[in-house]
PDB file of N, CA and C in Angstrom:
ATOM      1  N   UNK A   1       9.171 -25.350   3.485  1.00  0.00           N
ATOM      2  CA  UNK A   1       8.116 -24.372   3.362  1.00  0.00           C
ATOM      3  C   UNK A   1       8.692 -23.086   2.764  1.00  0.00           C
ATOM      4  N   UNK A   2       7.926 -22.439   1.890  1.00  0.00           N
ATOM      5  CA  UNK A   2       8.365 -21.222   1.228  1.00  0.00           C
ATOM      6  C   UNK A   2       8.142 -20.000   2.100  1.00  0.00           C
ATOM      7  N   UNK A   3       8.944 -18.993   1.862  1.00  0.00           N
ATOM      8  CA  UNK A   3       8.756 -17.721   2.544  1.00  0.00           C
ATOM      9  C   UNK A   3       7.625 -16.954   1.872  1.00  0.00           C
ATOM     10  N   UNK A   4       7.039 -16.015   2.605  1.00  0.00           N
ATOM     11  CA  UNK A   4       5.947 -15.207   2.077  1.00  0.00           C
ATOM     12  C   UNK A   4       6.390 -14.455   0.825  1.00  0.00           C
ATOM     13  N   UNK A   5       7.595 -13.918   0.838  1.00  0.00           N
ATOM     14  CA  UNK A   5       8.093 -13.156  -0.309  1.00  0.00           C
ATOM     15  C   UNK A   5       8.134 -14.015  -1.574  1.00  0.00           C
ATOM     16  N   UNK A   6       8.510 -15.287  -1.427  1.00  0.00           N
ATOM     17  CA  UNK A   6       8.571 -16.191  -2.574  1.00  0.00           C
ATOM     18  C   UNK A   6       7.175 -16.436  -3.148  1.00  0.00           C
ATOM     19  N   UNK A   7       6.188 -16.553  -2.267  1.00  0.00           N
ATOM     20  CA  UNK A   7       4.823 -16.762  -2.731  1.00  0.00           C
ATOM     21  C   UNK A   7       4.266 -15.499  -3.382  1.00  0.00           C
ATOM     22  N   UNK A   8       4.550 -14.344  -2.793  1.00  0.00           N
ATOM     23  CA  UNK A   8       4.079 -13.087  -3.381  1.00  0.00           C
ATOM     24  C   UNK A   8       4.705 -12.848  -4.751  1.00  0.00           C
ATOM     25  N   UNK A   9       5.937 -13.302  -4.946  1.00  0.00           N
ATOM     26  CA  UNK A   9       6.632 -13.123  -6.216  1.00  0.00           C
ATOM     27  C   UNK A   9       5.896 -13.847  -7.348  1.00  0.00           C
ATOM     28  N   UNK A  10       5.108 -14.851  -7.030  1.00  0.00           N
ATOM     29  CA  UNK A  10       4.393 -15.631  -8.039  1.00  0.00           C
ATOM     30  C   UNK A  10       3.195 -14.868  -8.613  1.00  0.00           C
ATOM     31  N   UNK A  11       2.727 -13.845  -7.889  1.00  0.00           N
ATOM     32  CA  UNK A  11       1.593 -13.050  -8.366  1.00  0.00           C
ATOM     33  C   UNK A  11       2.047 -12.092  -9.465  1.00  0.00           C
ATOM     34  N   UNK A  12       1.082 -11.641 -10.249  1.00  0.00           N
ATOM     35  CA  UNK A  12       1.381 -10.683 -11.315  1.00  0.00           C
ATOM     36  C   UNK A  12       0.760  -9.351 -10.930  1.00  0.00           C
ATOM     37  N   UNK A  13       1.483  -8.279 -11.161  1.00  0.00           N
ATOM     38  CA  UNK A  13       0.968  -6.948 -10.868  1.00  0.00           C
ATOM     39  C   UNK A  13       1.153  -6.072 -12.092  1.00  0.00           C
ATOM     40  N   UNK A  14       0.045  -5.542 -12.599  1.00  0.00           N
ATOM     41  CA  UNK A  14       0.106  -4.642 -13.746  1.00  0.00           C
ATOM     42  C   UNK A  14      -0.093  -3.219 -13.238  1.00  0.00           C
ATOM     43  N   UNK A  15       0.977  -2.440 -13.288  1.00  0.00           N
ATOM     44  CA  UNK A  15       0.975  -1.076 -12.773  1.00  0.00           C
ATOM     45  C   UNK A  15       0.263  -0.130 -13.733  1.00  0.00           C
ATOM     46  N   UNK A  16      -0.614   0.681 -13.210  1.00  0.00           N
ATOM     47  CA  UNK A  16      -1.324   1.711 -13.973  1.00  0.00           C
ATOM     48  C   UNK A  16      -0.556   3.019 -13.773  1.00  0.00           C
ATOM     49  N   UNK A  17       0.493   3.213 -14.563  1.00  0.00           N
ATOM     50  CA  UNK A  17       1.388   4.359 -14.375  1.00  0.00           C
ATOM     51  C   UNK A  17       0.638   5.675 -14.453  1.00  0.00           C
ATOM     52  N   UNK A  18       0.947   6.558 -13.513  1.00  0.00           N
ATOM     53  CA  UNK A  18       0.327   7.870 -13.481  1.00  0.00           C
ATOM     54  C   UNK A  18      -1.075   7.883 -12.906  1.00  0.00           C
ATOM     55  N   UNK A  19      -1.577   6.713 -12.485  1.00  0.00           N
ATOM     56  CA  UNK A  19      -2.932   6.634 -11.949  1.00  0.00           C
ATOM     57  C   UNK A  19      -2.948   5.696 -10.733  1.00  0.00           C
ATOM     58  N   UNK A  20      -2.259   6.093  -9.635  1.00  0.00           N
ATOM     59  CA  UNK A  20      -2.231   5.206  -8.464  1.00  0.00           C
ATOM     60  C   UNK A  20      -3.603   5.087  -7.821  1.00  0.00           C
ATOM     61  N   UNK A  21      -3.902   3.920  -7.298  1.00  0.00           N
ATOM     62  CA  UNK A  21      -5.213   3.699  -6.684  1.00  0.00           C
ATOM     63  C   UNK A  21      -5.244   4.069  -5.201  1.00  0.00           C
ATOM     64  N   UNK A  22      -4.089   4.400  -4.641  1.00  0.00           N
ATOM     65  CA  UNK A  22      -4.000   4.855  -3.259  1.00  0.00           C
ATOM     66  C   UNK A  22      -3.178   6.143  -3.250  1.00  0.00           C
ATOM     67  N   UNK A  23      -3.620   7.088  -2.440  1.00  0.00           N
ATOM     68  CA  UNK A  23      -2.884   8.336  -2.309  1.00  0.00           C
ATOM     69  C   UNK A  23      -2.987   8.812  -0.867  1.00  0.00           C
ATOM     70  N   UNK A  24      -1.860   9.282  -0.327  1.00  0.00           N
ATOM     71  CA  UNK A  24      -1.862   9.895   0.996  1.00  0.00           C
ATOM     72  C   UNK A  24      -2.326  11.334   0.810  1.00  0.00           C
ATOM     73  N   UNK A  25      -3.412  11.700   1.475  1.00  0.00           N
ATOM     74  CA  UNK A  25      -3.990  13.041   1.298  1.00  0.00           C
ATOM     75  C   UNK A  25      -3.054  14.139   1.795  1.00  0.00           C
ATOM     76  N   UNK A  26      -2.550  13.989   3.005  1.00  0.00           N
ATOM     77  CA  UNK A  26      -1.695  15.004   3.608  1.00  0.00           C
ATOM     78  C   UNK A  26      -0.438  14.330   4.153  1.00  0.00           C
ATOM     79  N   UNK A  27       0.642  14.281   3.362  1.00  0.00           N
ATOM     80  CA  UNK A  27       1.867  13.613   3.805  1.00  0.00           C
ATOM     81  C   UNK A  27       2.450  14.201   5.096  1.00  0.00           C
ATOM     82  N   UNK A  28       2.253  15.491   5.332  1.00  0.00           N
ATOM     83  CA  UNK A  28       2.790  16.117   6.541  1.00  0.00           C
ATOM     84  C   UNK A  28       2.119  15.578   7.804  1.00  0.00           C
ATOM     85  N   UNK A  29       0.864  15.171   7.699  1.00  0.00           N
ATOM     86  CA  UNK A  29       0.161  14.593   8.847  1.00  0.00           C
ATOM     87  C   UNK A  29       0.873  13.341   9.332  1.00  0.00           C
ATOM     88  N   UNK A  30       1.384  12.554   8.405  1.00  0.00           N
ATOM     89  CA  UNK A  30       2.075  11.315   8.767  1.00  0.00           C
ATOM     90  C   UNK A  30       3.383  11.587   9.514  1.00  0.00           C
ATOM     91  N   UNK A  31       3.964  12.761   9.323  1.00  0.00           N
ATOM     92  CA  UNK A  31       5.201  13.106  10.022  1.00  0.00           C
ATOM     93  C   UNK A  31       4.960  13.423  11.488  1.00  0.00           C
ATOM     94  N   UNK A  32       3.880  14.137  11.769  1.00  0.00           N
ATOM     95  CA  UNK A  32       3.723  14.686  13.105  1.00  0.00           C
ATOM     96  C   UNK A  32       2.708  13.965  13.981  1.00  0.00           C
ATOM     97  N   UNK A  33       1.585  13.587  13.444  1.00  0.00           N
ATOM     98  CA  UNK A  33       0.474  13.141  14.281  1.00  0.00           C
ATOM     99  C   UNK A  33       0.202  11.651  14.234  1.00  0.00           C
ATOM    100  N   UNK A  34       1.059  10.884  13.666  1.00  0.00           N
ATOM    101  CA  UNK A  34       0.719   9.495  13.399  1.00  0.00           C
ATOM    102  C   UNK A  34       1.843   8.560  13.844  1.00  0.00           C
ATOM    103  N   UNK A  35       1.475   7.415  14.344  1.00  0.00           N
ATOM    104  CA  UNK A  35       2.463   6.406  14.745  1.00  0.00           C
ATOM    105  C   UNK A  35       2.966   5.604  13.542  1.00  0.00           C
ATOM    106  N   UNK A  36       2.413   5.876  12.367  1.00  0.00           N
ATOM    107  CA  UNK A  36       2.786   5.231  11.110  1.00  0.00           C
ATOM    108  C   UNK A  36       2.604   3.712  11.126  1.00  0.00           C
ATOM    109  N   UNK A  37       1.432   3.232  11.561  1.00  0.00           N
ATOM    110  CA  UNK A  37       1.212   1.786  11.587  1.00  0.00           C
ATOM    111  C   UNK A  37       1.220   1.164  10.195  1.00  0.00           C
ATOM    112  N   UNK A  38       0.960   1.970   9.168  1.00  0.00           N
ATOM    113  CA  UNK A  38       0.969   1.433   7.802  1.00  0.00           C
ATOM    114  C   UNK A  38       2.335   0.875   7.429  1.00  0.00           C
ATOM    115  N   UNK A  39       3.409   1.396   8.037  1.00  0.00           N
ATOM    116  CA  UNK A  39       4.759   0.947   7.687  1.00  0.00           C
ATOM    117  C   UNK A  39       5.062  -0.456   8.200  1.00  0.00           C
ATOM    118  N   UNK A  40       4.287  -0.947   9.155  1.00  0.00           N
ATOM    119  CA  UNK A  40       4.529  -2.311   9.623  1.00  0.00           C
ATOM    120  C   UNK A  40       3.308  -3.221   9.480  1.00  0.00           C
ATOM    121  N   UNK A  41       2.159  -2.679   9.102  1.00  0.00           N
ATOM    122  CA  UNK A  41       0.954  -3.503   8.940  1.00  0.00           C
ATOM    123  C   UNK A  41       0.702  -3.941   7.504  1.00  0.00           C
ATOM    124  N   UNK A  42       1.169  -3.189   6.540  1.00  0.00           N
ATOM    125  CA  UNK A  42       0.917  -3.520   5.130  1.00  0.00           C
ATOM    126  C   UNK A  42       1.662  -4.811   4.764  1.00  0.00           C
ATOM    127  N   UNK A  43       0.942  -5.866   4.361  1.00  0.00           N
ATOM    128  CA  UNK A  43       1.611  -7.131   4.039  1.00  0.00           C
ATOM    129  C   UNK A  43       2.488  -7.064   2.792  1.00  0.00           C
ATOM    130  N   UNK A  44       2.273  -6.073   1.938  1.00  0.00           N
ATOM    131  CA  UNK A  44       3.084  -5.929   0.727  1.00  0.00           C
ATOM    132  C   UNK A  44       4.204  -4.917   0.897  1.00  0.00           C
ATOM    133  N   UNK A  45       4.318  -4.327   2.080  1.00  0.00           N
ATOM    134  CA  UNK A  45       5.357  -3.334   2.390  1.00  0.00           C
ATOM    135  C   UNK A  45       5.337  -2.151   1.421  1.00  0.00           C
ATOM    136  N   UNK A  46       4.155  -1.660   1.119  1.00  0.00           N
ATOM    137  CA  UNK A  46       4.007  -0.511   0.214  1.00  0.00           C
ATOM    138  C   UNK A  46       4.327   0.808   0.909  1.00  0.00           C
ATOM    139  N   UNK A  47       4.299   0.825   2.231  1.00  0.00           N
ATOM    140  CA  UNK A  47       4.546   2.034   3.014  1.00  0.00           C
ATOM    141  C   UNK A  47       5.890   1.905   3.720  1.00  0.00           C
ATOM    142  N   UNK A  48       6.741   2.926   3.576  1.00  0.00           N
ATOM    143  CA  UNK A  48       8.076   2.901   4.167  1.00  0.00           C
ATOM    144  C   UNK A  48       8.353   4.251   4.815  1.00  0.00           C
ATOM    145  N   UNK A  49       8.930   4.228   6.020  1.00  0.00           N
ATOM    146  CA  UNK A  49       9.352   5.479   6.652  1.00  0.00           C
ATOM    147  C   UNK A  49      10.486   6.080   5.830  1.00  0.00           C
ATOM    148  N   UNK A  50      10.426   7.407   5.632  1.00  0.00           N
ATOM    149  CA  UNK A  50      11.486   8.054   4.871  1.00  0.00           C
ATOM    150  C   UNK A  50      12.410   8.844   5.797  1.00  0.00           C
ATOM    151  N   UNK A  51      13.445   9.431   5.231  1.00  0.00           N
ATOM    152  CA  UNK A  51      14.456  10.156   6.002  1.00  0.00           C
ATOM    153  C   UNK A  51      13.883  11.375   6.716  1.00  0.00           C
ATOM    154  N   UNK A  52      12.820  11.960   6.178  1.00  0.00           N
ATOM    155  CA  UNK A  52      12.225  13.161   6.752  1.00  0.00           C
ATOM    156  C   UNK A  52      11.262  12.852   7.887  1.00  0.00           C
ATOM    157  N   UNK A  53      11.067  11.579   8.204  1.00  0.00           N
ATOM    158  CA  UNK A  53      10.152  11.195   9.264  1.00  0.00           C
ATOM    159  C   UNK A  53       8.734  10.964   8.773  1.00  0.00           C
ATOM    160  N   UNK A  54       8.544  11.055   7.467  1.00  0.00           N
ATOM    161  CA  UNK A  54       7.230  10.822   6.878  1.00  0.00           C
ATOM    162  C   UNK A  54       7.106   9.413   6.341  1.00  0.00           C
ATOM    163  N   UNK A  55       6.133   9.224   5.479  1.00  0.00           N
ATOM    164  CA  UNK A  55       5.868   7.909   4.890  1.00  0.00           C
ATOM    165  C   UNK A  55       5.882   8.028   3.375  1.00  0.00           C
ATOM    166  N   UNK A  56       6.626   7.133   2.722  1.00  0.00           N
ATOM    167  CA  UNK A  56       6.611   7.028   1.261  1.00  0.00           C
ATOM    168  C   UNK A  56       5.696   5.868   0.886  1.00  0.00           C
ATOM    169  N   UNK A  57       4.892   6.083  -0.132  1.00  0.00           N
ATOM    170  CA  UNK A  57       3.954   5.071  -0.604  1.00  0.00           C
ATOM    171  C   UNK A  57       4.316   4.661  -2.025  1.00  0.00           C
ATOM    172  N   UNK A  58       4.470   3.361  -2.230  1.00  0.00           N
ATOM    173  CA  UNK A  58       4.682   2.801  -3.556  1.00  0.00           C
ATOM    174  C   UNK A  58       3.607   1.756  -3.767  1.00  0.00           C
ATOM    175  N   UNK A  59       2.712   1.995  -4.714  1.00  0.00           N
ATOM    176  CA  UNK A  59       1.580   1.081  -4.895  1.00  0.00           C
ATOM    177  C   UNK A  59       1.928  -0.151  -5.722  1.00  0.00           C
ATOM    178  N   UNK A  60       3.130  -0.221  -6.265  1.00  0.00           N
ATOM    179  CA  UNK A  60       3.558  -1.408  -7.008  1.00  0.00           C
ATOM    180  C   UNK A  60       3.487  -2.622  -6.088  1.00  0.00           C
ATOM    181  N   UNK A  61       2.793  -3.628  -6.485  1.00  0.00           N
ATOM    182  CA  UNK A  61       2.708  -4.853  -5.702  1.00  0.00           C
ATOM    183  C   UNK A  61       1.655  -4.836  -4.609  1.00  0.00           C
ATOM    184  N   UNK A  62       0.833  -3.801  -4.561  1.00  0.00           N
ATOM    185  CA  UNK A  62      -0.231  -3.726  -3.554  1.00  0.00           C
ATOM    186  C   UNK A  62      -1.162  -4.931  -3.704  1.00  0.00           C
ATOM    187  N   UNK A  63      -1.499  -5.554  -2.586  1.00  0.00           N
ATOM    188  CA  UNK A  63      -2.368  -6.727  -2.600  1.00  0.00           C
ATOM    189  C   UNK A  63      -3.854  -6.375  -2.573  1.00  0.00           C
ATOM    190  N   UNK A  64      -4.159  -5.086  -2.477  1.00  0.00           N
ATOM    191  CA  UNK A  64      -5.544  -4.592  -2.468  1.00  0.00           C
ATOM    192  C   UNK A  64      -6.355  -5.222  -1.337  1.00  0.00           C
ATOM    193  N   UNK A  65      -5.702  -5.455  -0.216  1.00  0.00           N
ATOM    194  CA  UNK A  65      -6.370  -6.104   0.915  1.00  0.00           C
ATOM    195  C   UNK A  65      -7.154  -5.118   1.778  1.00  0.00           C
ATOM    196  N   UNK A  66      -6.796  -3.843   1.722  1.00  0.00           N
ATOM    197  CA  UNK A  66      -7.504  -2.826   2.488  1.00  0.00           C
ATOM    198  C   UNK A  66      -6.987  -2.616   3.895  1.00  0.00           C
ATOM    199  N   UNK A  67      -5.893  -3.255   4.266  1.00  0.00           N
ATOM    200  CA  UNK A  67      -5.335  -3.082   5.605  1.00  0.00           C
ATOM    201  C   UNK A  67      -5.045  -1.624   5.893  1.00  0.00           C
ATOM    202  N   UNK A  68      -4.463  -0.920   4.950  1.00  0.00           N
ATOM    203  CA  UNK A  68      -4.126   0.486   5.158  1.00  0.00           C
ATOM    204  C   UNK A  68      -5.382   1.331   5.370  1.00  0.00           C
ATOM    205  N   UNK A  69      -6.448   0.985   4.687  1.00  0.00           N
ATOM    206  CA  UNK A  69      -7.716   1.716   4.865  1.00  0.00           C
ATOM    207  C   UNK A  69      -8.230   1.573   6.293  1.00  0.00           C
ATOM    208  N   UNK A  70      -8.103   0.383   6.817  1.00  0.00           N
ATOM    209  CA  UNK A  70      -8.603   0.122   8.165  1.00  0.00           C
ATOM    210  C   UNK A  70      -7.756   0.840   9.211  1.00  0.00           C
ATOM    211  N   UNK A  71      -6.434   0.739   9.100  1.00  0.00           N
ATOM    212  CA  UNK A  71      -5.585   1.338  10.133  1.00  0.00           C
ATOM    213  C   UNK A  71      -5.531   2.858  10.037  1.00  0.00           C
ATOM    214  N   UNK A  72      -5.854   3.421   8.895  1.00  0.00           N
ATOM    215  CA  UNK A  72      -5.844   4.879   8.738  1.00  0.00           C
ATOM    216  C   UNK A  72      -7.259   5.461   8.800  1.00  0.00           C
ATOM    217  N   UNK A  73      -8.240   4.634   9.028  1.00  0.00           N
ATOM    218  CA  UNK A  73      -9.635   5.069   9.021  1.00  0.00           C
ATOM    219  C   UNK A  73      -9.887   6.196  10.019  1.00  0.00           C
ATOM    220  N   UNK A  74      -9.319   6.097  11.192  1.00  0.00           N
ATOM    221  CA  UNK A  74      -9.504   7.116  12.220  1.00  0.00           C
ATOM    222  C   UNK A  74      -8.957   8.479  11.767  1.00  0.00           C
ATOM    223  N   UNK A  75      -7.853   8.461  11.024  1.00  0.00           N
ATOM    224  CA  UNK A  75      -7.217   9.700  10.586  1.00  0.00           C
ATOM    225  C   UNK A  75      -7.759  10.203   9.250  1.00  0.00           C
ATOM    226  N   UNK A  76      -8.398   9.330   8.486  1.00  0.00           N
ATOM    227  CA  UNK A  76      -8.969   9.687   7.186  1.00  0.00           C
ATOM    228  C   UNK A  76      -7.951  10.406   6.303  1.00  0.00           C
ATOM    229  N   UNK A  77      -6.755   9.840   6.226  1.00  0.00           N
ATOM    230  CA  UNK A  77      -5.686  10.476   5.456  1.00  0.00           C
ATOM    231  C   UNK A  77      -5.334   9.715   4.180  1.00  0.00           C
ATOM    232  N   UNK A  78      -6.167   8.766   3.784  1.00  0.00           N
ATOM    233  CA  UNK A  78      -5.924   8.013   2.552  1.00  0.00           C
ATOM    234  C   UNK A  78      -7.095   8.156   1.594  1.00  0.00           C
ATOM    235  N   UNK A  79      -6.757   8.255   0.330  1.00  0.00           N
ATOM    236  CA  UNK A  79      -7.753   8.070  -0.734  1.00  0.00           C
ATOM    237  C   UNK A  79      -7.450   6.701  -1.316  1.00  0.00           C
ATOM    238  N   UNK A  80      -8.407   5.792  -1.278  1.00  0.00           N
ATOM    239  CA  UNK A  80      -8.185   4.403  -1.686  1.00  0.00           C
ATOM    240  C   UNK A  80      -9.343   3.955  -2.552  1.00  0.00           C
ATOM    241  N   UNK A  81      -9.023   3.377  -3.686  1.00  0.00           N
ATOM    242  CA  UNK A  81     -10.028   2.769  -4.556  1.00  0.00           C
ATOM    243  C   UNK A  81      -9.367   1.586  -5.249  1.00  0.00           C
ATOM    244  N   UNK A  82     -10.168   0.698  -5.773  1.00  0.00           N
ATOM    245  CA  UNK A  82      -9.587  -0.412  -6.528  1.00  0.00           C
ATOM    246  C   UNK A  82      -8.997   0.122  -7.825  1.00  0.00           C
ATOM    247  N   UNK A  83      -7.935  -0.516  -8.332  1.00  0.00           N
ATOM    248  CA  UNK A  83      -7.361  -0.091  -9.606  1.00  0.00           C
ATOM    249  C   UNK A  83      -8.378  -0.240 -10.747  1.00  0.00           C
ATOM    250  N   UNK A  84      -8.137   0.495 -11.807  1.00  0.00           N
ATOM    251  CA  UNK A  84      -8.997   0.373 -12.990  1.00  0.00           C
ATOM    252  C   UNK A  84      -8.934  -1.058 -13.515  1.00  0.00           C
ATOM    253  N   UNK A  85      -9.968  -1.449 -14.229  1.00  0.00           N
ATOM    254  CA  UNK A  85     -10.050  -2.802 -14.779  1.00  0.00           C
ATOM    255  C   UNK A  85      -8.808  -3.195 -15.553  1.00  0.00           C
ATOM    256  N   UNK A  86      -8.302  -4.380 -15.282  1.00  0.00           N
ATOM    257  CA  UNK A  86      -7.125  -4.893 -15.974  1.00  0.00           C
ATOM    258  C   UNK A  86      -5.816  -4.545 -15.284  1.00  0.00           C
ATOM    259  N   UNK A  87      -5.856  -3.620 -14.338  1.00  0.00           N
ATOM    260  CA  UNK A  87      -4.648  -3.229 -13.621  1.00  0.00           C
ATOM    261  C   UNK A  87      -4.692  -3.788 -12.203  1.00  0.00           C
ATOM    262  N   UNK A  88      -3.539  -3.744 -11.531  1.00  0.00           N
ATOM    263  CA  UNK A  88      -3.474  -4.204 -10.157  1.00  0.00           C
ATOM    264  C   UNK A  88      -2.982  -5.636 -10.058  1.00  0.00           C
ATOM    265  N   UNK A  89      -3.375  -6.300  -9.004  1.00  0.00           N
ATOM    266  CA  UNK A  89      -2.869  -7.642  -8.679  1.00  0.00           C
ATOM    267  C   UNK A  89      -3.685  -8.729  -9.377  1.00  0.00           C
ATOM    268  N   UNK A  90      -2.988  -9.747  -9.838  1.00  0.00           N
ATOM    269  CA  UNK A  90      -3.600 -10.989 -10.313  1.00  0.00           C
ATOM    270  C   UNK A  90      -2.944 -12.113  -9.527  1.00  0.00           C
ATOM    271  N   UNK A  91      -3.721 -12.755  -8.684  1.00  0.00           N
ATOM    272  CA  UNK A  91      -3.170 -13.808  -7.832  1.00  0.00           C
ATOM    273  C   UNK A  91      -3.030 -15.100  -8.609  1.00  0.00           C
ATOM    274  N   UNK A  92      -1.876 -15.729  -8.500  1.00  0.00           N
ATOM    275  CA  UNK A  92      -1.633 -16.991  -9.200  1.00  0.00           C
ATOM    276  C   UNK A  92      -2.432 -18.122  -8.573  1.00  0.00           C
ATOM    277  N   UNK A  93      -2.559 -18.110  -7.267  1.00  0.00           N
ATOM    278  CA  UNK A  93      -3.221 -19.205  -6.566  1.00  0.00           C
ATOM    279  C   UNK A  93      -4.591 -18.794  -6.031  1.00  0.00           C
ATOM    280  N   UNK A  94      -5.357 -18.078  -6.796  1.00  0.00           N
ATOM    281  CA  UNK A  94      -6.660 -17.697  -6.288  1.00  0.00           C
ATOM    282  C   UNK A  94      -7.293 -16.741  -7.170  1.00  0.00           C
TER     283      UNK A  94
END
């Protein structure tokens, strides 16, 4: 059986440079008031704890599943939209 990473590697992701489809509204909020569930709930590992105690977001490889929207809904600290047409994830098996 293959690992999840091997299956995700089969997908294609076209990055829309300079136009990310997700943005953290207030990065300082993630340092102080948040348990940072995005760092362990995102299946694509787009969110990573940084040295300053905050969260770094890299939208490369985002699966557009909306998990981060759901877990951050209470805090309303994300701006999230689907990527522009032609950009984002293209699933090989679906």
